[in-house]
Amino acid sequence: MNGFVDEQLRALLRVLVSASLDGERTSLVVWIDTAFNGGLTIPRKQIAELGLSKQSSAEAILADGRSVELETFACFVDWFGKTYETQIAASEGEYPLLGTMLLDGYRLDINYAAKTVKLT
């Protein structure tokens, strides 16, 4: 899986997601966040656009140490040739975040000089 480094030096990948197993896939540009040990967070605006179904809520500890409850939604993610049903957390941020849970077992190479990202 190949991505890119943008002008703000964010390491980004494109991930295909949908609201159902056989639903239309939408390409999301996600920011790789190695300080986030979850899978995916998606901004509320994009959750609404994707038509994701609310499932529950989950406790999360933010980078500043605060504990918060985040709403979770059902989402299907295409990941290395397979489609997985997963829960994603709603965020108030501007960008979807991809955490280390999805990176586990893979090699992440970020080349800032070449502005490339490679996940194998």
Protein backbone atom coordinates (compact mmCIF):
# COMPACT_ATOMS: atom_id res chain seq x y z
CA MET A 1 0.00 0.00 0.00
CA ASN A 2 1.50 3.32 -1.06
CA GLY A 3 0.82 6.79 0.27
CA PHE A 4 2.44 10.19 0.37
CA VAL A 5 3.77 12.92 2.65
CA ASP A 6 1.94 16.23 2.21
CA GLU A 7 3.15 19.84 2.53
CA GLN A 8 2.48 19.81 6.30
CA LEU A 9 4.67 16.66 6.62
CA ARG A 10 1.72 14.37 7.40
CA ALA A 11 2.13 10.72 6.36
CA LEU A 12 -1.08 9.84 4.48
CA LEU A 13 -2.65 6.71 2.96
CA ARG A 14 -5.84 6.11 0.98
CA VAL A 15 -8.24 3.60 2.54
CA LEU A 16 -11.49 2.29 1.05
CA VAL A 17 -14.47 2.22 3.42
CA SER A 18 -18.21 1.62 3.18
CA ALA A 19 -21.32 1.44 5.33
CA SER A 20 -22.06 -2.17 4.31
CA LEU A 21 -20.24 -5.21 3.01
CA ASP A 22 -21.61 -4.79 -0.51
CA GLY A 23 -21.93 -1.00 -0.37
CA GLU A 24 -20.19 1.52 -2.56
CA ARG A 25 -16.61 2.09 -1.46
CA THR A 26 -15.40 5.60 -0.62
CA SER A 27 -11.73 6.48 -0.67
CA LEU A 28 -10.60 8.29 2.48
CA VAL A 29 -7.22 9.94 2.85
CA VAL A 30 -6.16 9.00 6.40
CA TRP A 31 -3.40 10.50 8.49
CA ILE A 32 -1.12 7.88 10.06
CA ASP A 33 -1.03 8.55 13.80
CA THR A 34 1.48 6.31 15.58
CA ALA A 35 0.45 7.80 18.95
CA PHE A 36 -3.08 6.40 18.44
CA ASN A 37 -3.32 2.71 19.33
CA GLY A 38 -6.80 2.22 17.86
CA GLY A 39 -7.84 1.46 14.29
CA LEU A 40 -9.63 4.38 12.63
CA THR A 41 -11.26 7.60 13.72
CA ILE A 42 -13.36 9.50 11.21
CA PRO A 43 -14.67 13.06 11.58
CA ARG A 44 -18.43 13.26 12.26
CA LYS A 45 -19.07 15.10 8.99
CA GLN A 46 -17.59 12.22 6.98
CA ILE A 47 -19.45 9.64 9.10
CA ALA A 48 -22.71 11.32 8.11
CA GLU A 49 -21.67 11.46 4.43
CA LEU A 50 -20.79 7.74 4.50
CA GLY A 51 -24.08 6.82 6.20
CA LEU A 52 -22.40 4.75 8.92
CA SER A 53 -24.63 3.16 11.58
CA LYS A 54 -24.09 4.05 15.21
CA GLN A 55 -23.15 1.07 17.38
CA SER A 56 -22.18 2.21 20.86
CA SER A 57 -19.54 4.24 22.63
CA ALA A 58 -16.05 3.55 23.91
CA GLU A 59 -13.78 5.18 26.45
CA ALA A 60 -10.62 6.74 25.05
CA ILE A 61 -7.68 8.48 26.64
CA LEU A 62 -6.54 11.51 24.65
CA ALA A 63 -2.93 12.62 24.17
CA ASP A 64 -3.36 15.21 26.93
CA GLY A 65 -4.41 12.47 29.38
CA ARG A 66 -8.14 13.27 29.44
CA SER A 67 -10.58 10.37 29.38
CA VAL A 68 -13.54 10.81 27.01
CA GLU A 69 -16.44 8.75 25.64
CA LEU A 70 -16.43 8.46 21.85
CA GLU A 71 -19.35 7.27 19.76
CA THR A 72 -18.56 4.25 17.62
CA PHE A 73 -19.96 3.32 14.23
CA ALA A 74 -19.98 0.18 12.06
CA CYS A 75 -17.69 0.45 9.08
CA PHE A 76 -16.29 -1.89 6.43
CA VAL A 77 -12.63 -1.34 5.57
CA ASP A 78 -10.72 -2.82 2.63
CA TRP A 79 -7.31 -3.74 4.01
CA PHE A 80 -4.66 -5.59 2.00
CA GLY A 81 -7.12 -7.36 -0.27
CA LYS A 82 -9.68 -8.27 2.39
CA THR A 83 -12.76 -6.49 3.68
CA TYR A 84 -13.17 -6.24 7.44
CA GLU A 85 -16.12 -5.09 9.50
CA THR A 86 -14.88 -2.90 12.31
CA GLN A 87 -15.92 -0.18 14.71
CA ILE A 88 -14.59 3.28 14.08
CA ALA A 89 -14.65 6.14 16.53
CA ALA A 90 -16.20 9.51 15.73
CA SER A 91 -13.86 12.46 16.08
CA GLU A 92 -14.14 16.21 16.12
CA GLY A 93 -10.94 16.50 14.07
CA GLU A 94 -10.49 17.54 10.48
CA TYR A 95 -8.84 14.34 9.20
CA PRO A 96 -9.49 10.62 9.59
CA LEU A 97 -6.73 9.01 11.65
CA LEU A 98 -5.27 5.55 11.17
CA GLY A 99 -3.75 4.06 14.31
CA THR A 100 -1.28 1.36 15.21
CA MET A 101 -3.95 -1.34 15.52
CA LEU A 102 -4.12 -1.45 11.71
CA LEU A 103 -0.32 -1.09 11.39
CA ASP A 104 0.39 -4.08 13.64
CA GLY A 105 2.09 -6.84 11.67
CA TYR A 106 3.08 -4.54 8.81
CA ARG A 107 6.16 -2.50 7.97
CA LEU A 108 5.72 1.28 7.68
CA ASP A 109 8.35 3.24 5.73
CA ILE A 110 8.06 7.02 5.55
CA ASN A 111 10.57 8.79 3.32
CA TYR A 112 10.29 12.51 3.97
CA ALA A 113 12.93 13.36 1.35
CA ALA A 114 10.98 11.57 -1.39
CA LYS A 115 7.56 12.38 0.16
CA THR A 116 6.55 8.71 0.02
CA VAL A 117 4.80 6.31 2.40
CA LYS A 118 4.91 2.56 1.98
CA LEU A 119 3.05 0.02 4.11
CA THR A 120 3.93 -3.63 3.45
